[in-house]
């Protein structure tokens, strides 16, 4: 990703390609409340990666466990 950061013109497609190649995890909390009373608490996690990257990571785990 260093090559992209150093170039002057970066397309959104190049950024998405790099993100999918490495994988991204986004996490956050959402609290719905009414009258200072918390009604709903959601702990959200989003994993964004390509299928190929996911399978390669899964194969690495299998090799380590052998």
C-alpha atoms as a PDB file:
ATOM      1  CA  UNK A   1       0.000   0.000   0.000  1.00  0.00           C
ATOM      2  CA  UNK A   2       3.036   2.257   0.261  1.00  0.00           C
ATOM      3  CA  UNK A   3       3.184   2.560  -3.526  1.00  0.00           C
ATOM      4  CA  UNK A   4      -0.383   3.830  -3.660  1.00  0.00           C
ATOM      5  CA  UNK A   5       0.123   6.282  -0.808  1.00  0.00           C
ATOM      6  CA  UNK A   6       3.123   7.832  -2.579  1.00  0.00           C
ATOM      7  CA  UNK A   7       1.396   8.294  -5.951  1.00  0.00           C
ATOM      8  CA  UNK A   8      -0.421  11.535  -6.617  1.00  0.00           C
ATOM      9  CA  UNK A   9      -3.562  10.106  -8.237  1.00  0.00           C
ATOM     10  CA  UNK A  10      -5.223   7.136  -6.585  1.00  0.00           C
ATOM     11  CA  UNK A  11      -8.479   5.701  -7.850  1.00  0.00           C
ATOM     12  CA  UNK A  12     -11.083   4.246  -5.527  1.00  0.00           C
ATOM     13  CA  UNK A  13     -10.694   0.964  -7.409  1.00  0.00           C
ATOM     14  CA  UNK A  14      -7.012   0.740  -6.427  1.00  0.00           C
ATOM     15  CA  UNK A  15      -7.869   1.376  -2.776  1.00  0.00           C
ATOM     16  CA  UNK A  16     -10.616  -1.272  -2.777  1.00  0.00           C
ATOM     17  CA  UNK A  17      -8.273  -3.756  -4.479  1.00  0.00           C
ATOM     18  CA  UNK A  18      -5.619  -3.281  -1.782  1.00  0.00           C
ATOM     19  CA  UNK A  19      -8.192  -3.511   1.026  1.00  0.00           C
ATOM     20  CA  UNK A  20      -9.623  -6.750  -0.352  1.00  0.00           C
ATOM     21  CA  UNK A  21      -6.133  -8.162  -0.882  1.00  0.00           C
ATOM     22  CA  UNK A  22      -5.140  -7.652   2.765  1.00  0.00           C
ATOM     23  CA  UNK A  23      -8.545  -7.770   4.462  1.00  0.00           C
ATOM     24  CA  UNK A  24     -10.138  -5.255   6.794  1.00  0.00           C
ATOM     25  CA  UNK A  25     -11.964  -5.618  10.109  1.00  0.00           C
ATOM     26  CA  UNK A  26     -14.255  -2.801  11.221  1.00  0.00           C
ATOM     27  CA  UNK A  27     -15.849  -2.906  14.657  1.00  0.00           C
ATOM     28  CA  UNK A  28     -18.107  -0.572  16.562  1.00  0.00           C
ATOM     29  CA  UNK A  29     -20.851  -0.259  19.135  1.00  0.00           C
ATOM     30  CA  UNK A  30     -24.378   1.025  18.641  1.00  0.00           C
ATOM     31  CA  UNK A  31     -26.547   1.948  21.615  1.00  0.00           C
ATOM     32  CA  UNK A  32     -30.194   2.914  21.153  1.00  0.00           C
ATOM     33  CA  UNK A  33     -31.613   4.787  24.101  1.00  0.00           C
ATOM     34  CA  UNK A  34     -34.716   6.728  25.032  1.00  0.00           C
ATOM     35  CA  UNK A  35     -34.890   9.100  27.992  1.00  0.00           C
ATOM     36  CA  UNK A  36     -31.348   8.232  29.167  1.00  0.00           C
ATOM     37  CA  UNK A  37     -32.315   4.542  29.326  1.00  0.00           C
ATOM     38  CA  UNK A  38     -30.291   2.195  27.115  1.00  0.00           C
ATOM     39  CA  UNK A  39     -32.747  -0.024  25.268  1.00  0.00           C
ATOM     40  CA  UNK A  40     -30.577  -1.853  22.721  1.00  0.00           C
ATOM     41  CA  UNK A  41     -26.817  -2.456  22.668  1.00  0.00           C
ATOM     42  CA  UNK A  42     -25.227  -3.852  19.510  1.00  0.00           C
ATOM     43  CA  UNK A  43     -21.584  -4.873  19.202  1.00  0.00           C
ATOM     44  CA  UNK A  44     -20.923  -4.862  15.454  1.00  0.00           C
ATOM     45  CA  UNK A  45     -18.023  -6.437  13.582  1.00  0.00           C
ATOM     46  CA  UNK A  46     -17.552  -6.371   9.811  1.00  0.00           C
ATOM     47  CA  UNK A  47     -14.924  -8.418   7.984  1.00  0.00           C
ATOM     48  CA  UNK A  48     -14.201  -7.343   4.422  1.00  0.00           C
ATOM     49  CA  UNK A  49     -11.843  -9.505   2.376  1.00  0.00           C
ATOM     50  CA  UNK A  50     -11.696 -11.481  -0.832  1.00  0.00           C
ATOM     51  CA  UNK A  51     -12.495 -15.182  -0.861  1.00  0.00           C
ATOM     52  CA  UNK A  52      -8.960 -15.946  -2.059  1.00  0.00           C
ATOM     53  CA  UNK A  53      -7.395 -14.051   0.872  1.00  0.00           C
ATOM     54  CA  UNK A  54      -9.707 -15.800   3.327  1.00  0.00           C
ATOM     55  CA  UNK A  55      -8.843 -19.249   1.960  1.00  0.00           C
ATOM     56  CA  UNK A  56      -5.105 -18.497   1.981  1.00  0.00           C
ATOM     57  CA  UNK A  57      -5.329 -17.435   5.630  1.00  0.00           C
ATOM     58  CA  UNK A  58      -7.277 -20.583   6.442  1.00  0.00           C
ATOM     59  CA  UNK A  59      -4.596 -22.759   4.785  1.00  0.00           C
ATOM     60  CA  UNK A  60      -1.872 -21.044   6.827  1.00  0.00           C
ATOM     61  CA  UNK A  61      -3.709 -21.912  10.057  1.00  0.00           C
ATOM     62  CA  UNK A  62      -3.954 -25.571   9.004  1.00  0.00           C
ATOM     63  CA  UNK A  63      -0.202 -25.704   8.274  1.00  0.00           C
ATOM     64  CA  UNK A  64       0.638 -24.260  11.711  1.00  0.00           C
ATOM     65  CA  UNK A  65      -1.579 -26.807  13.501  1.00  0.00           C
ATOM     66  CA  UNK A  66       0.205 -29.762  11.849  1.00  0.00           C
END
